[in-house]
Amino acid sequence: MEDHSEAIKQAVKIYKALGDPTRMNITLILTKESNLCVTAIGQRLQNVAGSTLSHHLKQLTDCGLIESTKTGSFIHYTLNKEKAEKYVPFLGA
């Protein structure tokens, strides 16, 4: 029963994160392209301030739906396809 409880907690975190249209759009972008930096994501979204975008990316990273890797001074983001397939089949990851 404990594993089921953890899965429910994980699902709630992911669904809360995706409850915001900007975060859903970020996730949809990352289903099509991977390894994008903040600037590239921001260009695709348009009209989202950098600090706001960073907040959204942190929310998605914290719930485990996206992963980040640092290369020099850049942070690149990729969709965690395993979690997306398990919790958000709508994304078609």
C-alpha atoms as a PDB file:
ATOM      1  CA  MET A   1       0.000   0.000   0.000  1.00  0.00           C
ATOM      2  CA  GLU A   2       2.930   2.316   0.670  1.00  0.00           C
ATOM      3  CA  ASP A   3       4.066   2.291  -2.989  1.00  0.00           C
ATOM      4  CA  HIS A   4       0.540   3.198  -4.060  1.00  0.00           C
ATOM      5  CA  SER A   5       0.561   6.113  -1.615  1.00  0.00           C
ATOM      6  CA  GLU A   6       3.844   7.420  -3.031  1.00  0.00           C
ATOM      7  CA  ALA A   7       2.511   7.116  -6.578  1.00  0.00           C
ATOM      8  CA  ILE A   8      -0.537   9.164  -5.579  1.00  0.00           C
ATOM      9  CA  LYS A   9       1.675  11.858  -4.028  1.00  0.00           C
ATOM     10  CA  GLN A  10       3.800  11.957  -7.184  1.00  0.00           C
ATOM     11  CA  ALA A  11       0.729  12.201  -9.419  1.00  0.00           C
ATOM     12  CA  VAL A  12      -0.689  15.066  -7.348  1.00  0.00           C
ATOM     13  CA  LYS A  13       2.601  17.005  -7.634  1.00  0.00           C
ATOM     14  CA  ILE A  14       2.679  16.526 -11.387  1.00  0.00           C
ATOM     15  CA  TYR A  15      -0.976  17.435 -11.897  1.00  0.00           C
ATOM     16  CA  LYS A  16      -0.609  20.554  -9.736  1.00  0.00           C
ATOM     17  CA  ALA A  17       2.396  21.625 -11.792  1.00  0.00           C
ATOM     18  CA  LEU A  18       0.504  21.059 -15.042  1.00  0.00           C
ATOM     19  CA  GLY A  19      -2.477  23.028 -13.745  1.00  0.00           C
ATOM     20  CA  ASP A  20      -0.835  26.199 -15.015  1.00  0.00           C
ATOM     21  CA  PRO A  21      -1.148  26.856 -18.786  1.00  0.00           C
ATOM     22  CA  THR A  22       2.440  28.103 -19.097  1.00  0.00           C
ATOM     23  CA  ARG A  23       3.836  24.981 -17.445  1.00  0.00           C
ATOM     24  CA  MET A  24       1.657  22.808 -19.676  1.00  0.00           C
ATOM     25  CA  ASN A  25       3.004  24.669 -22.726  1.00  0.00           C
ATOM     26  CA  ILE A  26       6.598  24.194 -21.535  1.00  0.00           C
ATOM     27  CA  THR A  27       5.940  20.487 -21.151  1.00  0.00           C
ATOM     28  CA  LEU A  28       4.364  20.273 -24.607  1.00  0.00           C
ATOM     29  CA  ILE A  29       7.399  22.041 -26.092  1.00  0.00           C
ATOM     30  CA  LEU A  30       9.706  19.547 -24.390  1.00  0.00           C
ATOM     31  CA  THR A  31       7.746  16.599 -25.796  1.00  0.00           C
ATOM     32  CA  LYS A  32       8.778  17.757 -29.263  1.00  0.00           C
ATOM     33  CA  GLU A  33      12.304  19.002 -28.550  1.00  0.00           C
ATOM     34  CA  SER A  34      14.755  18.051 -25.843  1.00  0.00           C
ATOM     35  CA  ASN A  35      17.835  19.588 -24.326  1.00  0.00           C
ATOM     36  CA  LEU A  36      16.538  23.170 -24.576  1.00  0.00           C
ATOM     37  CA  CYS A  37      18.009  26.052 -22.594  1.00  0.00           C
ATOM     38  CA  VAL A  38      15.890  28.697 -20.862  1.00  0.00           C
ATOM     39  CA  THR A  39      16.366  31.143 -23.728  1.00  0.00           C
ATOM     40  CA  ALA A  40      15.156  28.642 -26.335  1.00  0.00           C
ATOM     41  CA  ILE A  41      12.102  27.767 -24.252  1.00  0.00           C
ATOM     42  CA  GLY A  42      11.376  31.467 -23.684  1.00  0.00           C
ATOM     43  CA  GLN A  43      11.559  32.192 -27.428  1.00  0.00           C
ATOM     44  CA  ARG A  44       8.987  29.494 -28.123  1.00  0.00           C
ATOM     45  CA  LEU A  45       6.633  30.728 -25.401  1.00  0.00           C
ATOM     46  CA  GLN A  46       6.857  34.488 -26.054  1.00  0.00           C
ATOM     47  CA  ASN A  47       5.610  37.037 -23.532  1.00  0.00           C
ATOM     48  CA  VAL A  48       6.930  35.185 -20.469  1.00  0.00           C
ATOM     49  CA  ALA A  49       9.450  37.062 -18.331  1.00  0.00           C
ATOM     50  CA  GLY A  50      12.713  35.279 -17.573  1.00  0.00           C
ATOM     51  CA  SER A  51      12.135  35.173 -13.835  1.00  0.00           C
ATOM     52  CA  THR A  52       8.634  33.782 -14.343  1.00  0.00           C
ATOM     53  CA  LEU A  53       9.957  31.172 -16.747  1.00  0.00           C
ATOM     54  CA  SER A  54      12.592  30.108 -14.213  1.00  0.00           C
ATOM     55  CA  HIS A  55       9.874  29.706 -11.592  1.00  0.00           C
ATOM     56  CA  HIS A  56       7.827  27.495 -13.926  1.00  0.00           C
ATOM     57  CA  LEU A  57      10.860  25.384 -14.829  1.00  0.00           C
ATOM     58  CA  LYS A  58      11.657  24.896 -11.139  1.00  0.00           C
ATOM     59  CA  GLN A  59       8.098  23.701 -10.474  1.00  0.00           C
ATOM     60  CA  LEU A  60       8.329  21.179 -13.312  1.00  0.00           C
ATOM     61  CA  THR A  61      11.773  20.028 -12.195  1.00  0.00           C
ATOM     62  CA  ASP A  62      10.678  19.678  -8.560  1.00  0.00           C
ATOM     63  CA  CYS A  63       7.799  17.369  -9.508  1.00  0.00           C
ATOM     64  CA  GLY A  64      10.162  15.292 -11.658  1.00  0.00           C
ATOM     65  CA  LEU A  65       8.414  15.855 -14.970  1.00  0.00           C
ATOM     66  CA  ILE A  66      11.443  17.548 -16.516  1.00  0.00           C
ATOM     67  CA  GLU A  67      15.141  17.093 -15.874  1.00  0.00           C
ATOM     68  CA  SER A  68      17.919  19.637 -16.055  1.00  0.00           C
ATOM     69  CA  THR A  69      21.592  19.326 -16.904  1.00  0.00           C
ATOM     70  CA  LYS A  70      24.151  22.074 -16.567  1.00  0.00           C
ATOM     71  CA  THR A  71      26.626  22.627 -19.373  1.00  0.00           C
ATOM     72  CA  GLY A  72      28.989  25.470 -18.609  1.00  0.00           C
ATOM     73  CA  SER A  73      26.784  28.407 -17.662  1.00  0.00           C
ATOM     74  CA  PHE A  74      23.700  27.005 -19.415  1.00  0.00           C
ATOM     75  CA  ILE A  75      21.015  24.756 -17.980  1.00  0.00           C
ATOM     76  CA  HIS A  76      19.268  22.516 -20.489  1.00  0.00           C
ATOM     77  CA  TYR A  77      15.872  20.941 -19.897  1.00  0.00           C
ATOM     78  CA  THR A  78      14.484  17.639 -21.124  1.00  0.00           C
ATOM     79  CA  LEU A  79      11.178  15.897 -20.518  1.00  0.00           C
ATOM     80  CA  ASN A  80      11.353  12.871 -18.216  1.00  0.00           C
ATOM     81  CA  LYS A  81       9.630  10.552 -20.691  1.00  0.00           C
ATOM     82  CA  GLU A  82       9.167   7.748 -18.173  1.00  0.00           C
ATOM     83  CA  LYS A  83       7.197   9.969 -15.796  1.00  0.00           C
ATOM     84  CA  ALA A  84       5.321  11.622 -18.653  1.00  0.00           C
ATOM     85  CA  GLU A  85       4.216   8.251 -20.038  1.00  0.00           C
ATOM     86  CA  LYS A  86       3.189   7.028 -16.588  1.00  0.00           C
ATOM     87  CA  TYR A  87       1.347  10.091 -15.277  1.00  0.00           C
ATOM     88  CA  VAL A  88       0.458  12.206 -18.312  1.00  0.00           C
ATOM     89  CA  PRO A  89      -0.308  10.014 -21.318  1.00  0.00           C
ATOM     90  CA  PHE A  90      -2.039  13.041 -22.884  1.00  0.00           C
ATOM     91  CA  LEU A  91       1.418  14.362 -23.751  1.00  0.00           C
ATOM     92  CA  GLY A  92       2.127  11.388 -26.013  1.00  0.00           C
ATOM     93  CA  ALA A  93       5.739  11.399 -24.867  1.00  0.00           C
END
